[in-house]
Amino acid sequence: MNPLKQRTTALKYLTPQLYTNAPRLIRRMDADIFICAQDWDTGWEKNFTISTPQIKNNSATETVTLPSGETDKIKIDLTLIKTAAGWRINKVACAN
């Protein structure tokens, strides 16, 4: 299932701008921008960490870490903004 095809659900988590730009960003990166990989690992559903949010005014940043193999990790930096509807992801970047 492609979560971006579920607009109502996606907009509970993403800003409208990120939702609109996501397909273009995915094509440019040739990977899923939300997991920084091409394929989903079912082990991630219960085995991931999220850093403590760093909040400044109406913006927050945090890092999601997914295990990859025995010792590697995938790190994804999220930027959230506070909207009238609540906090929404506005930017996703694969961390080094």
PDB file of N, CA and C in Angstrom:
ATOM      1  N   MET A   1       0.833  -1.181   0.000  1.00  0.00           N
ATOM      2  CA  MET A   1       0.000   0.000   0.000  1.00  0.00           C
ATOM      3  C   MET A   1       0.877   1.243   0.000  1.00  0.00           C
ATOM      4  N   ASN A   2       0.537   2.193  -0.821  1.00  0.00           N
ATOM      5  CA  ASN A   2       1.257   3.457  -0.890  1.00  0.00           C
ATOM      6  C   ASN A   2       0.542   4.474  -0.008  1.00  0.00           C
ATOM      7  N   PRO A   3       1.169   4.889   1.108  1.00  0.00           N
ATOM      8  CA  PRO A   3       0.490   5.813   2.017  1.00  0.00           C
ATOM      9  C   PRO A   3       0.135   7.150   1.370  1.00  0.00           C
ATOM     10  N   LEU A   4       0.871   7.547   0.333  1.00  0.00           N
ATOM     11  CA  LEU A   4       0.563   8.823  -0.311  1.00  0.00           C
ATOM     12  C   LEU A   4      -0.747   8.765  -1.096  1.00  0.00           C
ATOM     13  N   LYS A   5      -1.234   7.571  -1.387  1.00  0.00           N
ATOM     14  CA  LYS A   5      -2.513   7.443  -2.077  1.00  0.00           C
ATOM     15  C   LYS A   5      -3.684   7.647  -1.107  1.00  0.00           C
ATOM     16  N   GLN A   6      -3.396   7.627   0.180  1.00  0.00           N
ATOM     17  CA  GLN A   6      -4.403   7.856   1.222  1.00  0.00           C
ATOM     18  C   GLN A   6      -4.274   9.300   1.701  1.00  0.00           C
ATOM     19  N   ARG A   7      -4.781  10.247   0.910  1.00  0.00           N
ATOM     20  CA  ARG A   7      -4.574  11.674   1.162  1.00  0.00           C
ATOM     21  C   ARG A   7      -4.995  12.094   2.570  1.00  0.00           C
ATOM     22  N   THR A   8      -6.183  11.699   2.994  1.00  0.00           N
ATOM     23  CA  THR A   8      -6.684  12.110   4.305  1.00  0.00           C
ATOM     24  C   THR A   8      -5.761  11.637   5.416  1.00  0.00           C
ATOM     25  N   THR A   9      -5.314  10.394   5.336  1.00  0.00           N
ATOM     26  CA  THR A   9      -4.404   9.854   6.344  1.00  0.00           C
ATOM     27  C   THR A   9      -3.054  10.552   6.277  1.00  0.00           C
ATOM     28  N   ALA A  10      -2.521  10.741   5.080  1.00  0.00           N
ATOM     29  CA  ALA A  10      -1.213  11.388   4.925  1.00  0.00           C
ATOM     30  C   ALA A  10      -1.214  12.791   5.512  1.00  0.00           C
ATOM     31  N   LEU A  11      -2.306  13.530   5.326  1.00  0.00           N
ATOM     32  CA  LEU A  11      -2.356  14.907   5.807  1.00  0.00           C
ATOM     33  C   LEU A  11      -2.540  15.005   7.320  1.00  0.00           C
ATOM     34  N   LYS A  12      -2.709  13.872   7.997  1.00  0.00           N
ATOM     35  CA  LYS A  12      -2.697  13.874   9.462  1.00  0.00           C
ATOM     36  C   LYS A  12      -1.260  14.003   9.970  1.00  0.00           C
ATOM     37  N   TYR A  13      -0.289  13.705   9.082  1.00  0.00           N
ATOM     38  CA  TYR A  13       1.123  13.681   9.468  1.00  0.00           C
ATOM     39  C   TYR A  13       1.989  14.663   8.688  1.00  0.00           C
ATOM     40  N   LEU A  14       1.594  14.987   7.469  1.00  0.00           N
ATOM     41  CA  LEU A  14       2.404  15.813   6.571  1.00  0.00           C
ATOM     42  C   LEU A  14       1.739  17.157   6.318  1.00  0.00           C
ATOM     43  N   THR A  15       2.576  18.169   6.054  1.00  0.00           N
ATOM     44  CA  THR A  15       2.010  19.437   5.605  1.00  0.00           C
ATOM     45  C   THR A  15       1.516  19.244   4.173  1.00  0.00           C
ATOM     46  N   PRO A  16       0.554  20.042   3.730  1.00  0.00           N
ATOM     47  CA  PRO A  16       0.099  19.943   2.336  1.00  0.00           C
ATOM     48  C   PRO A  16       1.243  20.134   1.341  1.00  0.00           C
ATOM     49  N   GLN A  17       2.216  20.988   1.670  1.00  0.00           N
ATOM     50  CA  GLN A  17       3.347  21.222   0.769  1.00  0.00           C
ATOM     51  C   GLN A  17       4.187  19.966   0.601  1.00  0.00           C
ATOM     52  N   LEU A  18       4.504  19.289   1.695  1.00  0.00           N
ATOM     53  CA  LEU A  18       5.301  18.062   1.590  1.00  0.00           C
ATOM     54  C   LEU A  18       4.497  16.979   0.876  1.00  0.00           C
ATOM     55  N   TYR A  19       3.219  16.874   1.169  1.00  0.00           N
ATOM     56  CA  TYR A  19       2.372  15.882   0.502  1.00  0.00           C
ATOM     57  C   TYR A  19       2.392  16.088  -1.012  1.00  0.00           C
ATOM     58  N   THR A  20       2.293  17.340  -1.438  1.00  0.00           N
ATOM     59  CA  THR A  20       2.282  17.662  -2.869  1.00  0.00           C
ATOM     60  C   THR A  20       3.636  17.383  -3.515  1.00  0.00           C
ATOM     61  N   ASN A  21       4.720  17.701  -2.824  1.00  0.00           N
ATOM     62  CA  ASN A  21       6.066  17.559  -3.391  1.00  0.00           C
ATOM     63  C   ASN A  21       6.650  16.158  -3.261  1.00  0.00           C
ATOM     64  N   ALA A  22       6.086  15.316  -2.413  1.00  0.00           N
ATOM     65  CA  ALA A  22       6.662  13.994  -2.140  1.00  0.00           C
ATOM     66  C   ALA A  22       6.873  13.144  -3.390  1.00  0.00           C
ATOM     67  N   PRO A  23       5.894  13.013  -4.303  1.00  0.00           N
ATOM     68  CA  PRO A  23       6.140  12.159  -5.479  1.00  0.00           C
ATOM     69  C   PRO A  23       7.349  12.624  -6.311  1.00  0.00           C
ATOM     70  N   ARG A  24       7.515  13.921  -6.470  1.00  0.00           N
ATOM     71  CA  ARG A  24       8.653  14.448  -7.222  1.00  0.00           C
ATOM     72  C   ARG A  24       9.958  14.157  -6.487  1.00  0.00           C
ATOM     73  N   LEU A  25       9.965  14.331  -5.171  1.00  0.00           N
ATOM     74  CA  LEU A  25      11.163  14.061  -4.383  1.00  0.00           C
ATOM     75  C   LEU A  25      11.530  12.583  -4.422  1.00  0.00           C
ATOM     76  N   ILE A  26      10.533  11.716  -4.385  1.00  0.00           N
ATOM     77  CA  ILE A  26      10.774  10.267  -4.450  1.00  0.00           C
ATOM     78  C   ILE A  26      11.376   9.891  -5.798  1.00  0.00           C
ATOM     79  N   ARG A  27      10.842  10.463  -6.891  1.00  0.00           N
ATOM     80  CA  ARG A  27      11.407  10.179  -8.226  1.00  0.00           C
ATOM     81  C   ARG A  27      12.847  10.671  -8.311  1.00  0.00           C
ATOM     82  N   ARG A  28      13.118  11.851  -7.788  1.00  0.00           N
ATOM     83  CA  ARG A  28      14.466  12.425  -7.853  1.00  0.00           C
ATOM     84  C   ARG A  28      15.450  11.576  -7.056  1.00  0.00           C
ATOM     85  N   MET A  29      15.033  11.087  -5.908  1.00  0.00           N
ATOM     86  CA  MET A  29      15.925  10.318  -5.043  1.00  0.00           C
ATOM     87  C   MET A  29      15.959   8.844  -5.427  1.00  0.00           C
ATOM     88  N   ASP A  30      14.956   8.391  -6.179  1.00  0.00           N
ATOM     89  CA  ASP A  30      14.827   6.979  -6.554  1.00  0.00           C
ATOM     90  C   ASP A  30      14.757   6.086  -5.324  1.00  0.00           C
ATOM     91  N   ALA A  31      14.116   6.610  -4.277  1.00  0.00           N
ATOM     92  CA  ALA A  31      13.911   5.857  -3.039  1.00  0.00           C
ATOM     93  C   ALA A  31      12.765   6.516  -2.289  1.00  0.00           C
ATOM     94  N   ASP A  32      12.266   5.832  -1.306  1.00  0.00           N
ATOM     95  CA  ASP A  32      11.210   6.386  -0.475  1.00  0.00           C
ATOM     96  C   ASP A  32      11.823   7.428   0.450  1.00  0.00           C
ATOM     97  N   ILE A  33      11.382   8.667   0.354  1.00  0.00           N
ATOM     98  CA  ILE A  33      11.981   9.745   1.149  1.00  0.00           C
ATOM     99  C   ILE A  33      11.693   9.602   2.638  1.00  0.00           C
ATOM    100  N   PHE A  34      10.690   8.814   2.993  1.00  0.00           N
ATOM    101  CA  PHE A  34      10.329   8.679   4.392  1.00  0.00           C
ATOM    102  C   PHE A  34      11.142   7.605   5.103  1.00  0.00           C
ATOM    103  N   ILE A  35      11.773   6.712   4.352  1.00  0.00           N
ATOM    104  CA  ILE A  35      12.607   5.670   4.967  1.00  0.00           C
ATOM    105  C   ILE A  35      14.036   5.677   4.418  1.00  0.00           C
ATOM    106  N   CYS A  36      14.325   6.571   3.481  1.00  0.00           N
ATOM    107  CA  CYS A  36      15.662   6.685   2.894  1.00  0.00           C
ATOM    108  C   CYS A  36      16.148   5.339   2.354  1.00  0.00           C
ATOM    109  N   ALA A  37      15.232   4.603   1.755  1.00  0.00           N
ATOM    110  CA  ALA A  37      15.542   3.287   1.189  1.00  0.00           C
ATOM    111  C   ALA A  37      14.503   2.970   0.114  1.00  0.00           C
ATOM    112  N   GLN A  38      14.758   1.919  -0.640  1.00  0.00           N
ATOM    113  CA  GLN A  38      13.805   1.516  -1.667  1.00  0.00           C
ATOM    114  C   GLN A  38      12.777   0.529  -1.146  1.00  0.00           C
ATOM    115  N   ASP A  39      13.143  -0.265  -0.159  1.00  0.00           N
ATOM    116  CA  ASP A  39      12.248  -1.303   0.334  1.00  0.00           C
ATOM    117  C   ASP A  39      12.008  -1.163   1.828  1.00  0.00           C
ATOM    118  N   TRP A  40      10.776  -1.438   2.242  1.00  0.00           N
ATOM    119  CA  TRP A  40      10.367  -1.398   3.643  1.00  0.00           C
ATOM    120  C   TRP A  40      10.797  -2.679   4.337  1.00  0.00           C
ATOM    121  N   ASP A  41      11.325  -2.564   5.529  1.00  0.00           N
ATOM    122  CA  ASP A  41      11.700  -3.715   6.353  1.00  0.00           C
ATOM    123  C   ASP A  41      10.642  -3.848   7.446  1.00  0.00           C
ATOM    124  N   THR A  42       9.942  -4.965   7.486  1.00  0.00           N
ATOM    125  CA  THR A  42       8.877  -5.135   8.472  1.00  0.00           C
ATOM    126  C   THR A  42       9.402  -5.084   9.909  1.00  0.00           C
ATOM    127  N   GLY A  43      10.678  -5.320  10.104  1.00  0.00           N
ATOM    128  CA  GLY A  43      11.275  -5.226  11.435  1.00  0.00           C
ATOM    129  C   GLY A  43      11.282  -3.810  11.987  1.00  0.00           C
ATOM    130  N   TRP A  44      11.141  -2.821  11.124  1.00  0.00           N
ATOM    131  CA  TRP A  44      11.152  -1.423  11.568  1.00  0.00           C
ATOM    132  C   TRP A  44       9.904  -1.057  12.357  1.00  0.00           C
ATOM    133  N   GLU A  45       8.815  -1.771  12.133  1.00  0.00           N
ATOM    134  CA  GLU A  45       7.553  -1.410  12.765  1.00  0.00           C
ATOM    135  C   GLU A  45       7.644  -1.363  14.283  1.00  0.00           C
ATOM    136  N   LYS A  46       8.480  -2.202  14.864  1.00  0.00           N
ATOM    137  CA  LYS A  46       8.601  -2.241  16.319  1.00  0.00           C
ATOM    138  C   LYS A  46      10.021  -1.982  16.783  1.00  0.00           C
ATOM    139  N   ASN A  47      10.902  -1.607  15.870  1.00  0.00           N
ATOM    140  CA  ASN A  47      12.308  -1.471  16.225  1.00  0.00           C
ATOM    141  C   ASN A  47      12.892  -0.209  15.601  1.00  0.00           C
ATOM    142  N   PHE A  48      12.500   0.935  16.124  1.00  0.00           N
ATOM    143  CA  PHE A  48      13.037   2.213  15.666  1.00  0.00           C
ATOM    144  C   PHE A  48      13.113   3.148  16.863  1.00  0.00           C
ATOM    145  N   THR A  49      13.897   4.209  16.732  1.00  0.00           N
ATOM    146  CA  THR A  49      13.985   5.198  17.802  1.00  0.00           C
ATOM    147  C   THR A  49      13.741   6.587  17.217  1.00  0.00           C
ATOM    148  N   ILE A  50      13.271   7.460  18.071  1.00  0.00           N
ATOM    149  CA  ILE A  50      13.046   8.858  17.702  1.00  0.00           C
ATOM    150  C   ILE A  50      13.721   9.719  18.754  1.00  0.00           C
ATOM    151  N   SER A  51      14.527  10.671  18.298  1.00  0.00           N
ATOM    152  CA  SER A  51      15.232  11.533  19.238  1.00  0.00           C
ATOM    153  C   SER A  51      14.248  12.498  19.912  1.00  0.00           C
ATOM    154  N   THR A  52      14.692  13.112  20.982  1.00  0.00           N
ATOM    155  CA  THR A  52      13.894  14.133  21.653  1.00  0.00           C
ATOM    156  C   THR A  52      13.766  15.329  20.714  1.00  0.00           C
ATOM    157  N   PRO A  53      12.551  15.817  20.491  1.00  0.00           N
ATOM    158  CA  PRO A  53      12.384  16.959  19.578  1.00  0.00           C
ATOM    159  C   PRO A  53      13.093  18.201  20.099  1.00  0.00           C
ATOM    160  N   GLN A  54      13.709  18.907  19.175  1.00  0.00           N
ATOM    161  CA  GLN A  54      14.325  20.200  19.481  1.00  0.00           C
ATOM    162  C   GLN A  54      13.363  21.255  18.956  1.00  0.00           C
ATOM    163  N   ILE A  55      12.649  21.919  19.861  1.00  0.00           N
ATOM    164  CA  ILE A  55      11.591  22.851  19.468  1.00  0.00           C
ATOM    165  C   ILE A  55      12.084  24.283  19.569  1.00  0.00           C
ATOM    166  N   LYS A  56      11.807  25.034  18.508  1.00  0.00           N
ATOM    167  CA  LYS A  56      12.122  26.461  18.499  1.00  0.00           C
ATOM    168  C   LYS A  56      10.950  27.171  17.823  1.00  0.00           C
ATOM    169  N   ASN A  57      10.215  27.932  18.608  1.00  0.00           N
ATOM    170  CA  ASN A  57       9.019  28.627  18.130  1.00  0.00           C
ATOM    171  C   ASN A  57       8.025  27.624  17.547  1.00  0.00           C
ATOM    172  N   ASN A  58       7.658  27.781  16.276  1.00  0.00           N
ATOM    173  CA  ASN A  58       6.677  26.888  15.646  1.00  0.00           C
ATOM    174  C   ASN A  58       7.325  25.805  14.795  1.00  0.00           C
ATOM    175  N   SER A  59       8.596  25.488  15.086  1.00  0.00           N
ATOM    176  CA  SER A  59       9.326  24.483  14.321  1.00  0.00           C
ATOM    177  C   SER A  59       9.989  23.500  15.278  1.00  0.00           C
ATOM    178  N   ALA A  60      10.097  22.269  14.850  1.00  0.00           N
ATOM    179  CA  ALA A  60      10.771  21.245  15.661  1.00  0.00           C
ATOM    180  C   ALA A  60      11.567  20.337  14.733  1.00  0.00           C
ATOM    181  N   THR A  61      12.677  19.835  15.225  1.00  0.00           N
ATOM    182  CA  THR A  61      13.468  18.860  14.473  1.00  0.00           C
ATOM    183  C   THR A  61      13.690  17.639  15.354  1.00  0.00           C
ATOM    184  N   GLU A  62      13.752  16.489  14.707  1.00  0.00           N
ATOM    185  CA  GLU A  62      14.073  15.255  15.402  1.00  0.00           C
ATOM    186  C   GLU A  62      14.616  14.266  14.394  1.00  0.00           C
ATOM    187  N   THR A  63      15.256  13.218  14.895  1.00  0.00           N
ATOM    188  CA  THR A  63      15.846  12.204  14.039  1.00  0.00           C
ATOM    189  C   THR A  63      15.218  10.849  14.348  1.00  0.00           C
ATOM    190  N   VAL A  64      14.783  10.167  13.284  1.00  0.00           N
ATOM    191  CA  VAL A  64      14.273   8.798  13.391  1.00  0.00           C
ATOM    192  C   VAL A  64      15.412   7.874  12.970  1.00  0.00           C
ATOM    193  N   THR A  65      15.671   6.835  13.757  1.00  0.00           N
ATOM    194  CA  THR A  65      16.727   5.882  13.443  1.00  0.00           C
ATOM    195  C   THR A  65      16.118   4.505  13.235  1.00  0.00           C
ATOM    196  N   LEU A  66      16.411   3.917  12.060  1.00  0.00           N
ATOM    197  CA  LEU A  66      15.945   2.580  11.706  1.00  0.00           C
ATOM    198  C   LEU A  66      17.144   1.638  11.641  1.00  0.00           C
ATOM    199  N   PRO A  67      17.034   0.421  12.186  1.00  0.00           N
ATOM    200  CA  PRO A  67      18.140  -0.523  12.062  1.00  0.00           C
ATOM    201  C   PRO A  67      18.252  -0.997  10.615  1.00  0.00           C
ATOM    202  N   SER A  68      19.484  -1.234  10.177  1.00  0.00           N
ATOM    203  CA  SER A  68      19.720  -1.719   8.812  1.00  0.00           C
ATOM    204  C   SER A  68      20.842  -2.746   8.859  1.00  0.00           C
ATOM    205  N   GLY A  69      20.493  -3.993   8.761  1.00  0.00           N
ATOM    206  CA  GLY A  69      21.513  -5.039   8.858  1.00  0.00           C
ATOM    207  C   GLY A  69      21.937  -5.234  10.303  1.00  0.00           C
ATOM    208  N   GLU A  70      23.090  -5.857  10.481  1.00  0.00           N
ATOM    209  CA  GLU A  70      23.567  -6.181  11.827  1.00  0.00           C
ATOM    210  C   GLU A  70      23.976  -4.950  12.628  1.00  0.00           C
ATOM    211  N   THR A  71      24.690  -4.027  11.984  1.00  0.00           N
ATOM    212  CA  THR A  71      25.229  -2.897  12.741  1.00  0.00           C
ATOM    213  C   THR A  71      24.905  -1.533  12.141  1.00  0.00           C
ATOM    214  N   ASP A  72      24.451  -1.488  10.909  1.00  0.00           N
ATOM    215  CA  ASP A  72      24.180  -0.208  10.272  1.00  0.00           C
ATOM    216  C   ASP A  72      22.846   0.363  10.735  1.00  0.00           C
ATOM    217  N   LYS A  73      22.703   1.661  10.531  1.00  0.00           N
ATOM    218  CA  LYS A  73      21.464   2.339  10.872  1.00  0.00           C
ATOM    219  C   LYS A  73      21.123   3.350   9.780  1.00  0.00           C
ATOM    220  N   ILE A  74      19.837   3.545   9.554  1.00  0.00           N
ATOM    221  CA  ILE A  74      19.359   4.585   8.649  1.00  0.00           C
ATOM    222  C   ILE A  74      18.837   5.704   9.526  1.00  0.00           C
ATOM    223  N   LYS A  75      19.345   6.918   9.306  1.00  0.00           N
ATOM    224  CA  LYS A  75      18.889   8.063  10.090  1.00  0.00           C
ATOM    225  C   LYS A  75      18.152   9.031   9.175  1.00  0.00           C
ATOM    226  N   ILE A  76      16.984   9.471   9.643  1.00  0.00           N
ATOM    227  CA  ILE A  76      16.135  10.378   8.870  1.00  0.00           C
ATOM    228  C   ILE A  76      15.849  11.601   9.730  1.00  0.00           C
ATOM    229  N   ASP A  77      16.244  12.765   9.232  1.00  0.00           N
ATOM    230  CA  ASP A  77      15.985  14.008   9.939  1.00  0.00           C
ATOM    231  C   ASP A  77      14.626  14.550   9.513  1.00  0.00           C
ATOM    232  N   LEU A  78      13.789  14.853  10.493  1.00  0.00           N
ATOM    233  CA  LEU A  78      12.472  15.410  10.233  1.00  0.00           C
ATOM    234  C   LEU A  78      12.405  16.841  10.730  1.00  0.00           C
ATOM    235  N   THR A  79      11.751  17.691   9.970  1.00  0.00           N
ATOM    236  CA  THR A  79      11.421  19.031  10.421  1.00  0.00           C
ATOM    237  C   THR A  79       9.908  19.113  10.451  1.00  0.00           C
ATOM    238  N   LEU A  80       9.380  19.489  11.599  1.00  0.00           N
ATOM    239  CA  LEU A  80       7.938  19.622  11.766  1.00  0.00           C
ATOM    240  C   LEU A  80       7.599  21.093  11.983  1.00  0.00           C
ATOM    241  N   ILE A  81       6.420  21.476  11.557  1.00  0.00           N
ATOM    242  CA  ILE A  81       5.947  22.825  11.852  1.00  0.00           C
ATOM    243  C   ILE A  81       4.590  22.712  12.525  1.00  0.00           C
ATOM    244  N   LYS A  82       4.333  23.677  13.395  1.00  0.00           N
ATOM    245  CA  LYS A  82       3.059  23.695  14.101  1.00  0.00           C
ATOM    246  C   LYS A  82       2.042  24.415  13.231  1.00  0.00           C
ATOM    247  N   THR A  83       0.983  23.702  12.870  1.00  0.00           N
ATOM    248  CA  THR A  83      -0.084  24.277  12.046  1.00  0.00           C
ATOM    249  C   THR A  83      -1.337  24.410  12.912  1.00  0.00           C
ATOM    250  N   ALA A  84      -2.365  24.979  12.344  1.00  0.00           N
ATOM    251  CA  ALA A  84      -3.632  25.095  13.069  1.00  0.00           C
ATOM    252  C   ALA A  84      -4.173  23.719  13.454  1.00  0.00           C
ATOM    253  N   ALA A  85      -3.852  22.704  12.657  1.00  0.00           N
ATOM    254  CA  ALA A  85      -4.322  21.335  12.915  1.00  0.00           C
ATOM    255  C   ALA A  85      -3.391  20.560  13.846  1.00  0.00           C
ATOM    256  N   GLY A  86      -2.233  21.126  14.185  1.00  0.00           N
ATOM    257  CA  GLY A  86      -1.263  20.435  15.044  1.00  0.00           C
ATOM    258  C   GLY A  86       0.085  20.318  14.346  1.00  0.00           C
ATOM    259  N   TRP A  87       1.003  19.566  14.927  1.00  0.00           N
ATOM    260  CA  TRP A  87       2.337  19.385  14.369  1.00  0.00           C
ATOM    261  C   TRP A  87       2.263  18.491  13.133  1.00  0.00           C
ATOM    262  N   ARG A  88       2.944  18.922  12.051  1.00  0.00           N
ATOM    263  CA  ARG A  88       2.977  18.162  10.804  1.00  0.00           C
ATOM    264  C   ARG A  88       4.411  18.139  10.281  1.00  0.00           C
ATOM    265  N   ILE A  89       4.800  17.023   9.650  1.00  0.00           N
ATOM    266  CA  ILE A  89       6.121  16.901   9.030  1.00  0.00           C
ATOM    267  C   ILE A  89       6.148  17.780   7.802  1.00  0.00           C
ATOM    268  N   ASN A  90       7.150  18.656   7.733  1.00  0.00           N
ATOM    269  CA  ASN A  90       7.271  19.587   6.612  1.00  0.00           C
ATOM    270  C   ASN A  90       8.483  19.285   5.741  1.00  0.00           C
ATOM    271  N   LYS A  91       9.467  18.580   6.316  1.00  0.00           N
ATOM    272  CA  LYS A  91      10.681  18.288   5.566  1.00  0.00           C
ATOM    273  C   LYS A  91      11.266  16.968   6.066  1.00  0.00           C
ATOM    274  N   VAL A  92      11.763  16.172   5.131  1.00  0.00           N
ATOM    275  CA  VAL A  92      12.391  14.890   5.437  1.00  0.00           C
ATOM    276  C   VAL A  92      13.738  14.861   4.730  1.00  0.00           C
ATOM    277  N   ALA A  93      14.785  14.496   5.453  1.00  0.00           N
ATOM    278  CA  ALA A  93      16.112  14.419   4.827  1.00  0.00           C
ATOM    279  C   ALA A  93      16.857  13.218   5.379  1.00  0.00           C
ATOM    280  N   CYS A  94      17.528  12.503   4.494  1.00  0.00           N
ATOM    281  CA  CYS A  94      18.356  11.381   4.918  1.00  0.00           C
ATOM    282  C   CYS A  94      19.611  11.947   5.575  1.00  0.00           C
ATOM    283  N   ALA A  95      19.861  11.549   6.810  1.00  0.00           N
ATOM    284  CA  ALA A  95      21.018  12.049   7.545  1.00  0.00           C
ATOM    285  C   ALA A  95      22.241  11.219   7.216  1.00  0.00           C
ATOM    286  N   ASN A  96      23.382  11.798   7.424  1.00  0.00           N
ATOM    287  CA  ASN A  96      24.650  11.082   7.194  1.00  0.00           C
ATOM    288  C   ASN A  96      25.074  10.356   8.431  1.00  0.00           C
TER     289      ASN A  96
END
